Amino acid sequence: MIKILRKTYNYCKPNKVHLFLYYFISCCSTLVGILTPYITGNFIDILSNKTATKENIYIYCFWVAVLGIVSIVFGFITERLYLKIQVNSAFKMTKMMIEKVHNINYLLISKFDASYLIDRMNSDTNEIIIFSLTSVRNILTQILSVVLSFILVFAFSKLIAYILILASFLYLITYKLMKNKVYESNYKVIETRSKFFSNSYKQVEDVKTVKLYGLTEVLKKSYSNIFSNLFGKILDNQVITYIYSSMDSIISILTRTFIFVIGGIKVIKGQMTIGQFTIVLLLFNNILDSVSFAFNLGESYQKAKTVDKRIDEVLNMKVDRFGKVQLNHIDSITLKDISFSYVENEKIVDDFSYKFEKSNIYTIVGNNGAGKSTLINLILGLFGDEYQGNVYYNDVNLKNLDINNLRTKNISITTQYAEIINFLEDIEKFNSFNISNDLINVLELNKLISIENNKPKLQKTKDFSGGEKYKLSLLIALSKDYDVIILDEPSAMLDKESTNNLLNYLQQIKNDKIIIMISHDIRLIDVSDEVVRLSK
């Protein structure tokens, strides 16, 4: 448990003033809760002894009202503080995990379904932060409550105090017997629930494809199967948790019965007043709540362990390790004896060597599966160090370069599917690109973009056609004055005139750049200075 608390404290630490106030006021609220039974018991004794005056009644009522109002105010403040700490801390933790995902080896992270992964990270970070905040608060307040309550109960009846201690040991034994089963059951439910969410997302992710390929029945069957699996896990978990909570109830009933018997006899014998017995009963509820908390904390901790394990599974994934060297310019890219395979003993790229130099246009050609896109991914460092051979930028090994700086400052790329357009959520992002009228004319985007006050302005920000998306992707890639330009199937969604305009533009800018294209288009091959042919 200490491991979990240390992990989450790093994200709660920026709110440490709020955190201190949250725990301090929670403890003050507990003290108010202890005083209320004590005042109630004394009030009953005064009434039963018929010694109370109107002034006594007014005084007791006044303090009961004050304690009630204080309790309400404390409750609002603690809830407000909790909300601020929980939301901010969970956000920071989720943000950290997303940044971690950005650095995880591409081969590993690409095996995960995106919707499953984001649901898993969001739910796990929120659950573990909530567990840590509430557990520390409850541990502090329940210890305070138990200690003060035991002192008062011990003063009224040592025997009842010993019975409560025995009940506490019974709770502990039950937890020890059940903890592993609770942990395993919770893990299965949480993991299956994330997979169910992922499948649910797939049901509506691409309705067009579902309609075109008649996938409705297939998806319905898949959805029903994973729901059945989840439902079974939930029912199994209900049995385990019910047995666990039933033990709590049994111990509580037995303890309460003994207290009624012993306390009742003491009242009859005159060894305890009715008010004192009332205090004991009310304090017993406090102690019972505290012991039950300890009992339920065991179950909550097993759930938190499950969540913590899932978080660690992401955090412990292999990240790409690169150096810190930054390049001001790129004159050449050299691949030397490069081999790579997705599956063992099935090499996509085998002992490949080549040198790309500035002032040249290169076109990579080959059949499907020949490794064209894989070669580009190797050049871009997407596979980390999961390859044999070496890639050099100028004379610096790729493994020694600051890879993020390289991709951000030196290389411009557009892919066949124009994914970058999905990140243009608002006009401000588009305005940050240095786009010229000449480039807009080259790609025939005059109807989509205009230049106002030296800034590009999109006529619309969503609902682009496939061709518009691709042209915008090309526009963004070519607007960056970088040393390396990589274009995947640049003519795939362009008409003849737009393709010719693009090729003329590439010829004009190639003198200080390395331009690499993937294409089967003979027009692109004809204007290339060199053709790189790949085969399976």
Protein backbone atom coordinates (compact mmCIF):
# COMPACT_ATOMS: atom_id res chain seq x y z
CA MET A 1 0.00 0.00 0.00
CA ILE A 2 2.91 2.33 0.77
CA LYS A 3 4.09 1.89 -2.83
CA ILE A 4 0.72 3.07 -4.17
CA LEU A 5 0.60 6.06 -1.80
CA ARG A 6 4.12 7.14 -2.76
CA LYS A 7 3.30 6.88 -6.45
CA THR A 8 0.14 8.97 -6.19
CA TYR A 9 1.66 11.53 -3.81
CA ASN A 10 3.91 12.74 -6.63
CA TYR A 11 0.79 13.92 -8.45
CA CYS A 12 -0.97 15.28 -5.35
CA LYS A 13 2.15 17.12 -4.14
CA PRO A 14 1.52 20.33 -6.17
CA ASN A 15 -1.71 20.64 -4.13
CA LYS A 16 -0.01 19.97 -0.78
CA VAL A 17 -1.60 22.98 0.99
CA HIS A 18 -5.05 21.79 -0.07
CA LEU A 19 -4.02 18.25 0.88
CA PHE A 20 -3.02 19.30 4.42
CA LEU A 21 -6.25 21.26 4.90
CA TYR A 22 -8.29 18.33 3.57
CA TYR A 23 -6.83 15.90 6.11
CA PHE A 24 -6.78 18.41 9.00
CA ILE A 25 -10.42 19.46 8.58
CA SER A 26 -11.44 15.80 8.17
CA CYS A 27 -9.85 15.05 11.57
CA CYS A 28 -11.64 18.04 13.10
CA SER A 29 -14.90 16.72 11.69
CA THR A 30 -14.19 13.37 13.38
CA LEU A 31 -13.73 15.10 16.74
CA VAL A 32 -17.14 16.70 16.27
CA GLY A 33 -18.54 13.22 15.63
CA ILE A 34 -17.07 11.96 18.92
CA LEU A 35 -18.45 14.87 20.94
CA THR A 36 -22.01 14.40 19.71
CA PRO A 37 -22.58 10.94 21.37
CA TYR A 38 -20.96 12.20 24.58
CA ILE A 39 -23.29 15.21 24.77
CA THR A 40 -26.30 13.04 23.88
CA GLY A 41 -25.54 10.52 26.66
CA ASN A 42 -25.09 13.20 29.30
CA PHE A 43 -28.32 14.86 28.20
CA ILE A 44 -30.20 11.55 28.63
CA ASP A 45 -28.74 11.10 32.13
CA ILE A 46 -29.87 14.57 33.18
CA LEU A 47 -33.37 13.90 31.88
CA SER A 48 -33.61 10.42 33.43
CA ASN A 49 -32.45 11.72 36.84
CA LYS A 50 -35.06 14.49 36.60
CA THR A 51 -32.46 17.10 37.55
CA ALA A 52 -32.59 19.02 34.27
CA THR A 53 -33.72 22.63 34.12
CA LYS A 54 -34.89 24.60 31.12
CA GLU A 55 -31.50 26.31 31.03
CA ASN A 56 -29.76 22.89 30.85
CA ILE A 57 -31.98 21.87 27.94
CA TYR A 58 -31.32 25.14 26.10
CA ILE A 59 -27.56 24.77 26.59
CA TYR A 60 -27.51 21.18 25.33
CA CYS A 61 -29.70 22.06 22.34
CA PHE A 62 -27.43 25.01 21.57
CA TRP A 63 -24.31 22.82 21.48
CA VAL A 64 -26.03 20.12 19.44
CA ALA A 65 -27.05 22.79 16.90
CA VAL A 66 -23.53 24.29 16.85
CA LEU A 67 -21.92 20.88 16.32
CA GLY A 68 -24.41 20.11 13.55
CA ILE A 69 -23.69 23.38 11.72
CA VAL A 70 -19.93 22.93 12.14
CA SER A 71 -20.23 19.39 10.76
CA ILE A 72 -22.10 20.67 7.67
CA VAL A 73 -19.51 23.42 7.04
CA PHE A 74 -16.62 20.99 7.49
CA GLY A 75 -18.34 18.57 5.12
CA PHE A 76 -18.64 21.19 2.36
CA ILE A 77 -15.03 22.34 2.74
CA THR A 78 -13.59 18.81 2.70
CA GLU A 79 -15.69 17.82 -0.32
CA ARG A 80 -14.56 20.94 -2.18
CA LEU A 81 -10.90 20.34 -1.34
CA TYR A 82 -11.19 16.67 -2.28
CA LEU A 83 -12.68 17.54 -5.67
CA LYS A 84 -9.87 19.98 -6.51
CA ILE A 85 -7.12 17.57 -5.46
CA GLN A 86 -8.66 14.49 -7.09
CA VAL A 87 -9.43 16.06 -10.48
CA ASN A 88 -6.07 17.86 -10.80
CA SER A 89 -4.01 14.89 -9.61
CA ALA A 90 -5.80 12.40 -11.89
CA PHE A 91 -5.30 14.78 -14.83
CA LYS A 92 -1.57 15.09 -14.12
CA MET A 93 -1.20 11.32 -13.84
CA THR A 94 -3.15 10.65 -17.05
CA LYS A 95 -1.13 13.32 -18.85
CA MET A 96 2.08 11.66 -17.68
CA MET A 97 0.90 8.28 -18.97
CA ILE A 98 -0.06 9.74 -22.36
CA GLU A 99 3.41 11.30 -22.62
CA LYS A 100 4.83 7.90 -21.71
CA VAL A 101 2.79 6.26 -24.49
CA HIS A 102 4.29 8.75 -26.98
CA ASN A 103 7.74 7.39 -26.08
CA ILE A 104 6.91 3.69 -25.92
CA ASN A 105 8.38 1.58 -28.69
CA TYR A 106 6.05 1.78 -31.69
CA LEU A 107 6.07 -1.99 -32.23
CA LEU A 108 4.73 -2.50 -28.70
CA ILE A 109 2.17 0.29 -28.52
CA SER A 110 0.72 -0.47 -31.97
CA LYS A 111 -0.50 -3.83 -30.61
CA PHE A 112 -2.98 -2.03 -28.31
CA ASP A 113 -6.41 -0.87 -29.37
CA ALA A 114 -6.43 2.92 -28.87
CA SER A 115 -9.91 3.13 -27.31
CA TYR A 116 -9.09 0.28 -24.91
CA LEU A 117 -5.84 1.93 -23.88
CA ILE A 118 -7.24 5.41 -23.23
CA ASP A 119 -10.21 4.01 -21.29
CA ARG A 120 -7.82 1.89 -19.27
CA MET A 121 -5.52 4.82 -18.46
CA ASN A 122 -8.33 7.24 -17.59
CA SER A 123 -10.20 4.82 -15.33
CA ASP A 124 -7.04 3.47 -13.67
CA THR A 125 -5.55 6.88 -12.83
CA ASN A 126 -8.84 8.16 -11.40
CA GLU A 127 -9.38 5.01 -9.34
CA ILE A 128 -5.90 4.96 -7.85
CA ILE A 129 -5.98 8.67 -6.96
CA ILE A 130 -9.42 8.28 -5.36
CA PHE A 131 -8.20 5.24 -3.41
CA SER A 132 -5.12 7.05 -2.11
CA LEU A 133 -6.92 10.24 -1.07
CA THR A 134 -9.82 8.51 0.65
CA SER A 135 -7.66 5.82 2.25
CA VAL A 136 -5.26 8.26 3.91
CA ARG A 137 -8.18 10.43 5.08
CA ASN A 138 -10.06 7.44 6.45
CA ILE A 139 -6.98 5.94 8.12
CA LEU A 140 -6.31 9.23 9.95
CA THR A 141 -9.93 9.84 10.94
CA GLN A 142 -10.70 6.23 11.84
CA ILE A 143 -7.59 5.87 14.01
CA LEU A 144 -8.56 9.09 15.80
CA SER A 145 -12.13 7.87 16.17
CA VAL A 146 -11.14 4.40 17.42
CA VAL A 147 -8.60 5.68 19.96
CA LEU A 148 -10.95 8.25 21.48
CA SER A 149 -13.93 5.89 21.37
CA PHE A 150 -11.97 3.05 23.00
CA ILE A 151 -10.80 5.39 25.78
CA LEU A 152 -14.39 6.37 26.55
CA VAL A 153 -15.76 2.81 26.26
CA PHE A 154 -12.92 1.47 28.43
CA ALA A 155 -13.84 4.05 31.07
CA PHE A 156 -17.44 2.78 31.14
CA SER A 157 -16.83 -0.99 30.69
CA LYS A 158 -13.55 -2.85 30.32
CA LEU A 159 -15.37 -6.04 29.27
CA ILE A 160 -17.12 -4.34 26.35
CA ALA A 161 -13.79 -2.81 25.30
CA TYR A 162 -12.18 -6.30 25.25
CA ILE A 163 -15.06 -7.66 23.13
CA LEU A 164 -14.48 -4.87 20.61
CA ILE A 165 -10.77 -5.74 20.48
CA LEU A 166 -11.66 -9.40 19.85
CA ALA A 167 -14.01 -8.36 17.03
CA SER A 168 -11.17 -6.38 15.44
CA PHE A 169 -8.98 -9.51 15.36
CA LEU A 170 -11.79 -11.49 13.74
CA TYR A 171 -12.00 -8.86 11.00
CA LEU A 172 -8.26 -9.14 10.42
CA ILE A 173 -8.35 -12.96 10.14
CA THR A 174 -11.22 -12.80 7.64
CA TYR A 175 -9.29 -10.32 5.47
CA LYS A 176 -6.21 -12.54 5.46
CA LEU A 177 -8.29 -15.51 4.31
CA MET A 178 -10.10 -13.66 1.50
CA LYS A 179 -7.65 -11.07 0.13
CA ASN A 180 -6.17 -13.12 -2.75
CA LYS A 181 -9.56 -14.23 -4.05
CA VAL A 182 -10.86 -10.65 -3.96
CA TYR A 183 -7.77 -9.38 -5.81
CA GLU A 184 -7.98 -11.97 -8.59
CA SER A 185 -11.72 -11.49 -9.04
CA ASN A 186 -11.42 -7.70 -9.27
CA TYR A 187 -8.56 -7.93 -11.78
CA LYS A 188 -10.62 -10.10 -14.11
CA VAL A 189 -13.60 -7.73 -13.96
CA ILE A 190 -11.56 -4.56 -14.57
CA GLU A 191 -9.59 -6.05 -17.46
CA THR A 192 -12.68 -7.52 -19.13
CA ARG A 193 -14.59 -4.25 -18.68
CA SER A 194 -11.86 -2.34 -20.56
CA LYS A 195 -12.02 -4.85 -23.41
CA PHE A 196 -15.80 -4.51 -23.48
CA PHE A 197 -15.46 -0.72 -23.79
CA SER A 198 -12.99 -1.19 -26.64
CA ASN A 199 -15.42 -3.48 -28.46
CA SER A 200 -18.26 -0.99 -27.83
CA TYR A 201 -16.18 1.75 -29.45
CA LYS A 202 -15.58 -0.41 -32.51
CA GLN A 203 -19.33 -0.83 -32.96
CA VAL A 204 -19.70 2.87 -33.84
CA GLU A 205 -16.17 3.88 -34.82
CA ASP A 206 -16.67 3.52 -38.58
CA VAL A 207 -20.33 3.05 -39.46
CA LYS A 208 -19.59 3.58 -43.15
CA THR A 209 -17.32 0.52 -43.29
CA VAL A 210 -19.87 -1.51 -41.34
CA LYS A 211 -22.52 -0.66 -43.92
CA LEU A 212 -20.31 -1.17 -46.99
CA TYR A 213 -19.02 -4.59 -45.94
CA GLY A 214 -22.17 -5.84 -44.21
CA LEU A 215 -20.44 -6.29 -40.85
CA THR A 216 -23.52 -5.74 -38.67
CA GLU A 217 -24.09 -9.40 -37.76
CA VAL A 218 -20.38 -10.05 -37.17
CA LEU A 219 -20.11 -7.07 -34.83
CA LYS A 220 -23.34 -7.98 -33.02
CA LYS A 221 -22.01 -11.47 -32.35
CA SER A 222 -18.66 -10.11 -31.16
CA TYR A 223 -20.41 -7.59 -28.88
CA SER A 224 -22.67 -10.27 -27.39
CA ASN A 225 -19.77 -12.66 -26.79
CA ILE A 226 -17.63 -10.15 -24.93
CA PHE A 227 -20.66 -8.99 -22.91
CA SER A 228 -21.36 -12.60 -21.89
CA ASN A 229 -17.76 -12.92 -20.77
CA LEU A 230 -17.96 -9.66 -18.78
CA PHE A 231 -21.32 -10.60 -17.26
CA GLY A 232 -19.92 -13.93 -16.09
CA LYS A 233 -16.93 -12.22 -14.47
CA ILE A 234 -19.24 -9.71 -12.73
CA LEU A 235 -21.43 -12.51 -11.33
CA ASP A 236 -18.36 -14.40 -10.08
CA ASN A 237 -17.08 -11.21 -8.48
CA GLN A 238 -20.46 -10.62 -6.80
CA VAL A 239 -20.23 -14.01 -5.07
CA ILE A 240 -16.72 -13.31 -3.76
CA THR A 241 -17.51 -9.79 -2.55
CA TYR A 242 -20.81 -10.88 -0.97
CA ILE A 243 -19.10 -13.63 1.03
CA TYR A 244 -16.52 -11.07 2.12
CA SER A 245 -19.12 -8.46 3.16
CA SER A 246 -21.28 -11.14 4.84
CA MET A 247 -18.43 -11.97 7.18
CA ASP A 248 -18.38 -8.28 8.08
CA SER A 249 -22.10 -8.37 8.89
CA ILE A 250 -21.86 -11.58 10.95
CA ILE A 251 -19.05 -10.21 13.12
CA SER A 252 -20.98 -6.94 13.54
CA ILE A 253 -24.20 -8.70 14.62
CA LEU A 254 -22.41 -10.94 17.14
CA THR A 255 -20.52 -8.00 18.64
CA ARG A 256 -23.64 -5.86 18.90
CA THR A 257 -25.52 -8.74 20.60
CA PHE A 258 -22.82 -9.14 23.27
CA ILE A 259 -22.81 -5.39 23.93
CA PHE A 260 -26.59 -5.33 24.39
CA VAL A 261 -26.43 -8.26 26.84
CA ILE A 262 -23.49 -6.95 28.88
CA GLY A 263 -24.60 -3.31 28.79
CA GLY A 264 -28.20 -4.17 29.65
CA ILE A 265 -27.13 -6.22 32.68
CA LYS A 266 -24.86 -3.40 33.89
CA VAL A 267 -27.71 -0.88 33.62
CA ILE A 268 -30.05 -3.19 35.59
CA LYS A 269 -27.41 -3.65 38.30
CA GLY A 270 -26.80 0.09 38.46
CA GLN A 271 -23.19 -0.28 37.30
CA MET A 272 -23.87 1.92 34.25
CA THR A 273 -26.34 4.72 33.62
CA ILE A 274 -28.72 4.75 30.65
CA GLY A 275 -26.84 7.77 29.31
CA GLN A 276 -23.50 5.94 29.57
CA PHE A 277 -25.00 2.89 27.85
CA THR A 278 -26.28 5.18 25.10
CA ILE A 279 -22.78 6.67 24.72
CA VAL A 280 -21.30 3.15 24.49
CA LEU A 281 -23.83 2.15 21.81
CA LEU A 282 -23.18 5.29 19.77
CA LEU A 283 -19.41 4.94 20.17
CA PHE A 284 -19.74 1.26 19.25
CA ASN A 285 -21.16 2.43 15.93
CA ASN A 286 -18.09 4.66 15.50
CA ILE A 287 -15.77 1.79 16.34
CA LEU A 288 -17.75 -0.58 14.13
CA ASP A 289 -17.50 1.89 11.25
CA SER A 290 -13.75 2.13 11.82
CA VAL A 291 -13.25 -1.64 12.00
CA SER A 292 -15.53 -2.12 9.00
CA PHE A 293 -13.44 0.47 7.17
CA ALA A 294 -10.32 -1.54 7.94
CA PHE A 295 -12.17 -4.63 6.71
CA ASN A 296 -13.35 -2.90 3.53
CA LEU A 297 -9.97 -1.23 3.08
CA GLY A 298 -8.64 -4.70 2.43
CA GLU A 299 -11.07 -5.14 -0.45
CA SER A 300 -10.37 -1.61 -1.75
CA TYR A 301 -6.64 -2.25 -1.52
CA GLN A 302 -6.95 -5.41 -3.59
CA LYS A 303 -8.79 -3.39 -6.26
CA ALA A 304 -6.12 -0.68 -6.05
CA LYS A 305 -3.39 -3.32 -6.45
CA THR A 306 -5.13 -4.48 -9.61
CA VAL A 307 -5.23 -0.93 -10.96
CA ASP A 308 -1.62 -0.29 -9.92
CA LYS A 309 -0.51 -3.41 -11.74
CA ARG A 310 -2.24 -2.24 -14.92
CA ILE A 311 -0.63 1.20 -14.62
CA ASP A 312 2.80 -0.39 -14.13
CA GLU A 313 2.25 -2.58 -17.19
CA VAL A 314 2.08 0.60 -19.27
CA LEU A 315 4.84 2.45 -17.42
CA ASN A 316 7.21 -0.52 -17.68
CA MET A 317 6.83 -0.93 -21.43
CA LYS A 318 10.03 -0.49 -23.36
CA VAL A 319 10.63 3.10 -24.44
CA ASP A 320 12.75 4.24 -27.36
CA ARG A 321 16.21 5.25 -26.19
CA PHE A 322 17.90 7.90 -28.28
CA GLY A 323 20.66 10.42 -27.69
CA LYS A 324 20.73 14.20 -27.34
CA VAL A 325 22.60 15.31 -30.46
CA GLN A 326 20.71 17.95 -32.46
CA LEU A 327 21.45 18.72 -36.11
CA ASN A 328 21.24 22.17 -37.67
CA HIS A 329 21.01 20.70 -41.16
CA ILE A 330 20.94 17.33 -42.92
CA ASP A 331 23.11 16.69 -45.96
CA SER A 332 22.76 12.91 -46.17
CA ILE A 333 20.95 9.89 -44.75
CA THR A 334 22.91 6.64 -44.88
CA LEU A 335 21.49 3.17 -44.26
CA LYS A 336 24.16 0.55 -43.73
CA ASP A 337 23.46 -3.20 -43.62
CA ILE A 338 19.88 -2.68 -42.38
CA SER A 339 17.78 -5.74 -41.55
CA PHE A 340 14.36 -5.74 -39.92
CA SER A 341 11.49 -8.15 -39.31
CA TYR A 342 8.09 -7.88 -37.62
CA VAL A 343 8.04 -11.63 -37.08
CA GLU A 344 11.12 -13.66 -36.21
CA ASN A 345 12.87 -15.20 -39.24
CA GLU A 346 10.65 -13.25 -41.69
CA LYS A 347 12.76 -10.26 -42.73
CA ILE A 348 10.97 -7.39 -44.43
CA VAL A 349 14.25 -5.53 -45.00
CA ASP A 350 17.33 -7.69 -45.41
CA ASP A 351 20.90 -6.35 -45.36
CA PHE A 352 19.90 -3.12 -47.12
CA SER A 353 22.37 -0.28 -47.69
CA TYR A 354 21.75 3.05 -49.39
CA LYS A 355 22.68 6.73 -49.19
CA PHE A 356 20.23 9.60 -49.70
CA GLU A 357 21.90 12.94 -50.45
CA LYS A 358 20.81 16.57 -50.63
CA SER A 359 19.63 18.07 -53.95
CA ASN A 360 18.06 14.82 -55.09
CA ILE A 361 14.56 13.42 -55.50
CA TYR A 362 14.27 9.72 -54.68
CA THR A 363 11.33 7.43 -55.39
CA ILE A 364 11.04 4.13 -53.54
CA VAL A 365 9.16 1.51 -55.54
CA GLY A 366 8.26 -2.13 -54.95
CA ASN A 367 5.40 -4.58 -54.68
CA ASN A 368 3.03 -4.61 -51.72
CA GLY A 369 4.86 -6.03 -48.71
CA ALA A 370 8.29 -5.23 -50.14
CA GLY A 371 9.07 -2.97 -47.18
CA LYS A 372 8.65 0.55 -48.60
CA SER A 373 6.78 2.00 -45.63
CA THR A 374 8.91 -0.06 -43.26
CA LEU A 375 12.05 1.52 -44.73
CA ILE A 376 10.62 5.00 -44.15
CA ASN A 377 9.71 4.07 -40.57
CA LEU A 378 13.29 2.89 -40.01
CA ILE A 379 14.62 6.19 -41.34
CA LEU A 380 12.28 8.05 -38.97
CA GLY A 381 13.35 5.95 -35.97
CA LEU A 382 9.87 4.56 -35.28
CA PHE A 383 11.22 1.11 -34.43
CA GLY A 384 13.70 2.33 -31.82
CA ASP A 385 16.67 -0.03 -31.79
CA GLU A 386 14.68 -3.07 -32.97
CA TYR A 387 16.74 -3.53 -36.13
CA GLN A 388 20.16 -4.66 -37.25
CA GLY A 389 22.63 -2.32 -38.94
CA ASN A 390 22.95 1.44 -38.65
CA VAL A 391 21.19 4.58 -39.84
CA TYR A 392 23.26 7.76 -40.08
CA TYR A 393 22.16 11.37 -40.47
CA ASN A 394 25.22 13.09 -41.90
CA ASP A 395 27.80 11.04 -39.96
CA VAL A 396 25.82 10.76 -36.71
CA ASN A 397 24.17 7.48 -35.77
CA LEU A 398 20.39 7.78 -35.45
CA LYS A 399 20.62 6.23 -31.96
CA ASN A 400 22.67 9.22 -30.78
CA LEU A 401 20.26 11.86 -32.09
CA ASP A 402 17.53 13.75 -30.26
CA ILE A 403 14.76 11.97 -32.17
CA ASN A 404 11.96 14.36 -31.23
CA ASN A 405 14.01 17.36 -32.31
CA LEU A 406 14.89 15.58 -35.57
CA ARG A 407 11.23 14.91 -36.41
CA THR A 408 10.11 18.37 -35.30
CA LYS A 409 12.86 20.54 -36.82
CA ASN A 410 14.45 18.58 -39.68
CA ILE A 411 11.93 16.23 -41.31
CA SER A 412 8.59 16.97 -42.96
CA ILE A 413 6.33 14.06 -43.84
CA THR A 414 2.92 13.34 -45.29
CA THR A 415 1.40 9.87 -45.25
CA GLN A 416 -1.06 8.19 -47.57
CA TYR A 417 -3.90 8.64 -45.08
CA ALA A 418 -3.21 12.29 -44.15
CA GLU A 419 -3.55 11.65 -40.39
CA ILE A 420 -2.19 15.12 -39.53
CA ILE A 421 -5.51 16.67 -40.59
CA ASN A 422 -7.22 14.92 -37.67
CA PHE A 423 -5.18 17.17 -35.36
CA LEU A 424 -6.34 20.43 -36.96
CA GLU A 425 -9.11 20.88 -34.40
CA ASP A 426 -9.17 24.65 -34.63
CA ILE A 427 -8.10 27.49 -36.91
CA GLU A 428 -5.25 28.58 -34.62
CA LYS A 429 -3.27 25.41 -35.29
CA PHE A 430 -3.57 25.90 -39.03
CA ASN A 431 -2.57 29.56 -38.77
CA SER A 432 0.75 28.54 -37.21
CA PHE A 433 1.98 27.12 -40.53
CA ASN A 434 3.94 29.37 -42.92
CA ILE A 435 1.79 28.83 -46.01
CA SER A 436 2.29 30.87 -49.18
CA ASN A 437 -0.10 31.74 -52.00
CA ASP A 438 2.22 29.97 -54.45
CA LEU A 439 1.85 26.69 -52.59
CA ILE A 440 -1.92 27.12 -52.37
CA ASN A 441 -2.01 27.62 -56.15
CA VAL A 442 0.23 24.61 -56.79
CA LEU A 443 -2.18 22.31 -54.95
CA GLU A 444 -5.28 24.11 -56.25
CA LEU A 445 -6.60 24.90 -52.79
CA ASN A 446 -7.78 28.45 -53.54
CA LYS A 447 -11.40 27.57 -52.78
CA LEU A 448 -10.45 26.06 -49.43
CA ILE A 449 -7.81 28.51 -48.19
CA SER A 450 -7.27 32.24 -48.46
CA ILE A 451 -4.46 34.46 -47.18
CA GLU A 452 -5.62 37.28 -44.92
CA ASN A 453 -3.16 39.58 -43.13
CA ASN A 454 -0.34 37.24 -44.19
CA LYS A 455 -2.06 34.32 -42.44
CA PRO A 456 -3.81 31.34 -44.02
CA LYS A 457 -7.52 31.08 -43.35
CA LEU A 458 -9.48 27.88 -43.80
CA GLN A 459 -12.95 28.33 -45.25
CA LYS A 460 -14.04 25.35 -43.15
CA THR A 461 -12.43 23.42 -40.31
CA LYS A 462 -14.06 20.00 -40.63
CA ASP A 463 -15.91 17.65 -42.99
CA PHE A 464 -13.04 17.57 -45.49
CA SER A 465 -13.26 15.17 -48.42
CA GLY A 466 -10.50 12.58 -48.83
CA GLY A 467 -8.86 14.65 -51.58
CA GLU A 468 -9.04 17.85 -49.52
CA LYS A 469 -7.49 16.10 -46.53
CA TYR A 470 -4.61 14.83 -48.61
CA LYS A 471 -3.97 18.19 -50.29
CA LEU A 472 -3.98 19.92 -46.90
CA SER A 473 -1.55 17.32 -45.60
CA LEU A 474 0.76 18.00 -48.56
CA LEU A 475 0.39 21.73 -48.03
CA ILE A 476 1.46 21.46 -44.39
CA ALA A 477 4.40 19.19 -45.23
CA LEU A 478 5.70 21.43 -48.02
CA SER A 479 5.19 24.67 -46.10
CA LYS A 480 7.90 23.64 -43.64
CA ASP A 481 11.34 24.66 -44.83
CA TYR A 482 13.01 21.45 -43.66
CA ASP A 483 16.00 19.56 -45.05
CA VAL A 484 14.14 16.27 -45.54
CA ILE A 485 10.71 15.85 -47.15
CA ILE A 486 9.08 12.40 -47.19
CA LEU A 487 5.92 11.90 -49.26
CA ASP A 488 3.93 8.66 -49.25
CA GLU A 489 1.98 8.20 -52.53
CA PRO A 490 1.84 11.97 -53.18
CA SER A 491 -0.15 11.63 -56.42
CA ALA A 492 -2.68 9.09 -55.10
CA MET A 493 -5.48 11.62 -54.60
CA LEU A 494 -4.38 14.32 -57.05
CA ASP A 495 -5.67 14.87 -60.56
CA LYS A 496 -3.27 15.15 -63.49
CA GLU A 497 -2.90 18.93 -63.32
CA SER A 498 -2.32 18.98 -59.55
CA THR A 499 0.25 16.19 -59.89
CA ASN A 500 2.16 18.10 -62.59
CA ASN A 501 2.08 21.25 -60.46
CA LEU A 502 3.43 19.30 -57.49
CA LEU A 503 6.26 17.75 -59.50
CA ASN A 504 7.29 21.14 -60.90
CA TYR A 505 7.29 22.57 -57.38
CA LEU A 506 9.47 19.72 -56.06
CA GLN A 507 11.96 20.33 -58.88
CA GLN A 508 12.18 23.99 -57.85
CA ILE A 509 12.90 23.33 -54.16
CA LYS A 510 15.07 20.19 -54.37
CA ASN A 511 18.47 21.91 -54.48
CA ASP A 512 18.85 22.15 -50.70
CA LYS A 513 16.66 19.22 -49.72
CA ILE A 514 16.47 15.44 -49.64
CA ILE A 515 13.10 14.48 -51.11
CA ILE A 516 11.98 10.87 -50.70
CA MET A 517 8.73 9.59 -52.22
CA ILE A 518 6.94 6.24 -52.16
CA SER A 519 4.99 5.72 -55.35
CA HIS A 520 4.04 3.48 -58.26
CA ASP A 521 3.22 6.50 -60.44
CA ILE A 522 5.42 6.53 -63.54
CA ARG A 523 5.26 10.36 -63.62
CA LEU A 524 6.97 10.58 -60.24
CA ILE A 525 9.55 7.99 -61.23
CA ASP A 526 10.38 9.99 -64.38
CA VAL A 527 11.22 13.18 -62.47
CA SER A 528 13.26 11.34 -59.82
CA ASP A 529 17.02 11.57 -59.76
CA GLU A 530 17.25 8.04 -58.40
CA VAL A 531 14.83 5.14 -58.03
CA VAL A 532 15.17 2.77 -55.06
CA ARG A 533 13.73 -0.61 -55.96
CA LEU A 534 12.69 -2.99 -53.20
CA SER A 535 11.54 -6.58 -53.55
CA LYS A 536 10.25 -9.23 -51.16
